[in-house]
Protein backbone atom coordinates (compact mmCIF):
# COMPACT_ATOMS: atom_id res chain seq x y z
CA UNK A 1 101.50 154.11 47.73
CA UNK A 2 102.05 154.76 51.44
CA UNK A 3 105.52 153.91 52.77
CA UNK A 4 103.88 153.04 56.10
CA UNK A 5 101.50 150.71 54.29
CA UNK A 6 104.33 148.97 52.44
CA UNK A 7 106.26 148.49 55.67
CA UNK A 8 103.18 147.02 57.36
CA UNK A 9 102.65 144.69 54.42
CA UNK A 10 106.24 143.42 54.58
CA UNK A 11 106.03 143.00 58.35
CA UNK A 12 102.81 140.96 58.19
CA UNK A 13 104.11 138.87 55.28
CA UNK A 14 107.17 137.95 57.33
CA UNK A 15 105.03 137.05 60.34
CA UNK A 16 102.76 134.96 58.14
CA UNK A 17 105.76 133.16 56.65
CA UNK A 18 107.07 132.46 60.17
CA UNK A 19 103.66 131.16 61.25
CA UNK A 20 103.42 128.79 58.29
CA UNK A 21 106.97 127.57 58.90
CA UNK A 22 106.12 127.08 62.57
CA UNK A 23 103.05 125.06 61.63
CA UNK A 24 105.15 122.77 59.43
CA UNK A 25 107.72 122.31 62.20
CA UNK A 26 105.01 121.53 64.75
CA UNK A 27 103.48 119.01 62.37
CA UNK A 28 106.86 117.32 61.92
CA UNK A 29 107.45 117.30 65.69
CA UNK A 30 104.01 115.83 66.28
CA UNK A 31 104.61 112.95 63.85
CA UNK A 32 108.01 112.14 65.32
CA UNK A 33 106.66 112.20 68.88
CA UNK A 34 103.62 110.14 67.89
CA UNK A 35 105.88 107.43 66.44
CA UNK A 36 108.02 107.48 69.58
CA UNK A 37 104.92 107.33 71.76
CA UNK A 38 103.63 104.30 69.86
CA UNK A 39 106.96 102.58 70.46
CA UNK A 40 106.78 103.30 74.18
CA UNK A 41 103.17 102.13 74.40
CA UNK A 42 104.30 98.73 73.10
CA UNK A 43 107.23 98.70 75.50
CA UNK A 44 104.97 99.63 78.41
CA UNK A 45 102.60 96.80 77.58
CA UNK A 46 105.46 94.28 77.51
CA UNK A 47 106.96 95.70 80.72
CA UNK A 48 103.60 95.51 82.47
CA UNK A 49 103.10 91.90 81.40
CA UNK A 50 106.62 90.99 82.57
CA UNK A 51 106.17 92.70 85.95
CA UNK A 52 102.75 91.17 86.59
CA UNK A 53 104.00 87.70 85.69
CA UNK A 54 107.07 87.86 87.93
CA UNK A 55 105.17 89.55 90.79
CA UNK A 56 102.45 86.89 90.64
CA UNK A 57 105.03 84.10 90.72
CA UNK A 58 106.91 85.80 93.58
CA UNK A 59 103.72 86.01 95.63
CA UNK A 60 102.93 82.37 94.93
CA UNK A 61 106.35 81.23 96.11
CA UNK A 62 106.16 83.51 99.12
CA UNK A 63 103.09 81.61 100.29
CA UNK A 64 104.87 78.31 99.66
CA UNK A 65 107.98 79.42 101.53
CA UNK A 66 105.87 80.68 104.42
CA UNK A 67 104.19 77.31 104.63
CA UNK A 68 107.50 75.47 104.59
CA UNK A 69 109.74 77.78 106.63
CA UNK A 70 107.45 80.01 108.68
CA UNK A 71 107.38 83.78 108.87
CA UNK A 72 110.40 84.02 111.19
CA UNK A 73 112.68 82.41 108.61
CA UNK A 74 111.35 84.78 105.92
CA UNK A 75 111.96 87.82 108.11
CA UNK A 76 115.52 86.67 108.71
CA UNK A 77 116.45 87.24 105.08
CA UNK A 78 115.00 90.77 105.04
CA UNK A 79 117.72 93.44 104.90
CA UNK A 80 117.45 96.94 106.41
CA UNK A 81 119.20 98.39 103.38
CA UNK A 82 117.08 99.81 100.59
CA UNK A 83 117.34 99.35 96.86
CA UNK A 84 118.68 102.26 94.85
CA UNK A 85 117.53 103.19 91.37
CA UNK A 86 119.67 105.17 88.96
CA UNK A 87 117.69 106.87 86.19
CA UNK A 88 119.25 107.69 82.85
CA UNK A 89 117.50 110.31 80.75
CA UNK A 90 117.10 110.38 77.00
CA UNK A 91 115.65 113.12 74.80
CA UNK A 92 113.57 113.33 71.66
CA UNK A 93 112.38 116.61 70.12
CA UNK A 94 113.01 118.44 73.38
CA UNK A 95 111.20 115.91 75.57
CA UNK A 96 113.30 114.31 78.32
CA UNK A 97 112.20 110.90 79.56
CA UNK A 98 113.67 108.11 81.73
CA UNK A 99 115.37 105.31 79.85
CA UNK A 100 117.07 102.06 80.93
CA UNK A 101 116.93 102.49 84.73
CA UNK A 102 119.46 100.59 86.79
CA UNK A 103 118.19 98.99 89.99
CA UNK A 104 120.92 98.43 92.58
CA UNK A 105 119.72 95.82 95.04
CA UNK A 106 121.31 95.34 98.46
CA UNK A 107 123.07 92.11 99.28
CA UNK A 108 121.00 89.62 101.26
CA UNK A 109 122.22 87.09 103.79
CA UNK A 110 122.16 83.42 102.85
CA UNK A 111 118.61 82.38 103.66
CA UNK A 112 119.40 78.77 104.46
CA UNK A 113 116.47 76.43 104.85
CA UNK A 114 114.74 75.01 101.81
CA UNK A 115 115.37 75.96 98.21
CA UNK A 116 111.88 77.44 98.13
CA UNK A 117 113.04 80.35 100.30
CA UNK A 118 116.07 81.06 98.11
CA UNK A 119 113.90 80.96 95.01
CA UNK A 120 111.36 83.27 96.68
CA UNK A 121 114.07 85.82 97.44
CA UNK A 122 115.35 85.68 93.86
CA UNK A 123 111.84 86.11 92.46
CA UNK A 124 111.14 89.16 94.61
CA UNK A 125 114.37 90.78 93.46
CA UNK A 126 113.41 90.11 89.85
CA UNK A 127 109.94 91.51 90.50
CA UNK A 128 111.42 94.71 91.90
CA UNK A 129 113.67 95.14 88.88
CA UNK A 130 110.75 94.51 86.53
CA UNK A 131 108.63 96.99 88.46
CA UNK A 132 111.30 99.67 88.12
CA UNK A 133 111.51 99.10 84.36
CA UNK A 134 107.72 99.26 84.08
CA UNK A 135 107.58 102.46 86.13
CA UNK A 136 110.25 104.13 83.97
CA UNK A 137 108.66 103.22 80.64
CA UNK A 138 105.23 104.25 81.92
CA UNK A 139 106.61 107.62 82.99
CA UNK A 140 108.22 108.06 79.58
CA UNK A 141 104.94 107.18 77.91
CA UNK A 142 103.08 109.80 79.97
CA UNK A 143 105.65 112.52 79.23
CA UNK A 144 105.55 111.82 75.49
CA UNK A 145 101.75 111.69 75.43
CA UNK A 146 101.57 115.05 77.21
CA UNK A 147 103.96 116.62 74.72
CA UNK A 148 102.05 115.18 71.75
CA UNK A 149 98.85 116.73 73.11
CA UNK A 150 100.58 120.07 73.78
CA UNK A 151 102.09 120.09 70.29
CA UNK A 152 98.70 119.37 68.73
CA UNK A 153 97.19 122.25 70.73
CA UNK A 154 99.93 124.65 69.61
CA UNK A 155 99.59 123.54 65.99
CA UNK A 156 95.82 124.04 66.02
CA UNK A 157 96.29 127.49 67.55
CA UNK A 158 98.74 128.46 64.80
CA UNK A 159 96.68 126.99 61.96
CA UNK A 160 93.20 127.97 63.17
CA UNK A 161 93.87 131.33 64.81
CA UNK A 162 97.27 132.85 64.12
CA UNK A 163 97.56 132.13 60.38
CA UNK A 164 93.94 133.13 59.51
CA UNK A 165 94.31 136.34 61.53
CA UNK A 166 97.54 137.26 59.73
CA UNK A 167 96.02 136.36 56.35
CA UNK A 168 93.04 138.59 57.09
CA UNK A 169 95.31 141.41 58.23
CA UNK A 170 97.46 141.06 55.11
CA UNK A 171 94.39 141.03 52.87
CA UNK A 172 93.16 144.25 54.49
CA UNK A 173 96.56 145.93 53.99
CA UNK A 174 96.69 144.85 50.35
CA UNK A 175 93.19 146.18 49.71
CA UNK A 176 94.09 149.48 51.35
CA UNK A 177 97.29 149.72 49.29
CA UNK A 178 95.35 148.90 46.11
CA UNK A 179 92.89 151.68 46.93
CA UNK A 180 95.71 154.13 47.58
CA UNK A 181 97.43 153.09 44.35
CA UNK A 182 94.18 153.57 42.44
CA UNK A 183 93.63 156.99 44.00
CA UNK A 184 97.20 157.98 43.21
CA UNK A 185 96.78 156.83 39.61
CA UNK A 186 93.57 158.76 39.19
CA UNK A 187 95.15 161.84 40.73
CA UNK A 188 98.14 161.64 38.38
CA UNK A 189 95.86 161.10 35.40
CA UNK A 190 93.71 164.05 36.43
CA UNK A 191 96.79 166.23 36.81
CA UNK A 192 98.09 165.10 33.41
CA UNK A 193 94.75 165.85 31.76
CA UNK A 194 94.72 169.35 33.28
CA UNK A 195 98.25 170.01 32.05
CA UNK A 196 97.35 168.80 28.58
CA UNK A 197 94.18 170.89 28.49
CA UNK A 198 96.08 173.93 29.66
CA UNK A 199 98.78 173.47 27.04
CA UNK A 200 96.28 173.09 24.19
CA UNK A 201 94.08 176.05 25.20
CA UNK A 202 93.99 178.94 22.54
CA UNK A 203 96.15 182.01 23.25
CA UNK A 204 94.09 185.25 23.73
CA UNK A 205 93.96 187.65 20.66
CA UNK A 206 95.65 190.50 22.44
CA UNK A 207 98.66 188.33 23.28
CA UNK A 208 99.01 187.06 19.69
CA UNK A 209 99.21 190.64 18.38
CA UNK A 210 101.62 191.82 20.98
CA UNK A 211 98.89 193.68 22.82
CA UNK A 212 98.11 196.21 19.94
């Protein structure tokens, strides 16, 4: 049996073992990410509903406040400062995604006027916070969905291309080694038969009589 053939066989067997292990790990990763994605899909749906509800109510009260106070009064409570959002990042199976964002809203001057204006300001601040939460969970959902799809693609590549190719290569090496082993066995048997035939052949008459 060829030493080169044996080394190739061992090398391909190790690569095939690694490929099968990789396929199992990718399958495990895919299931974990799919469960996490399902959780975020539910969270995104709730966050969207919350944001749409608060934003709708804020718009409704904005129209009421505008009717009661006028646009000048509404503009007086607008601040030049901007809201700041701090994003915290979490990780699952190597995928980083935003989690629990903190929205830091600027202070606003006392609006005065009717309670409708104060309530309108409060609703718009709530709507902004809800919008930030919805944006973060939607981004997390997109990142997880992309990784699930990429993991599925890698797993299919391993299972449908890499593993079959290595199995075919290993089968070819084994067949070649079997052929070499058979040839070597036949050669040894042929050599043994020749030795046996040579040993059992009759000694010439002249040699038995010492050449006389």
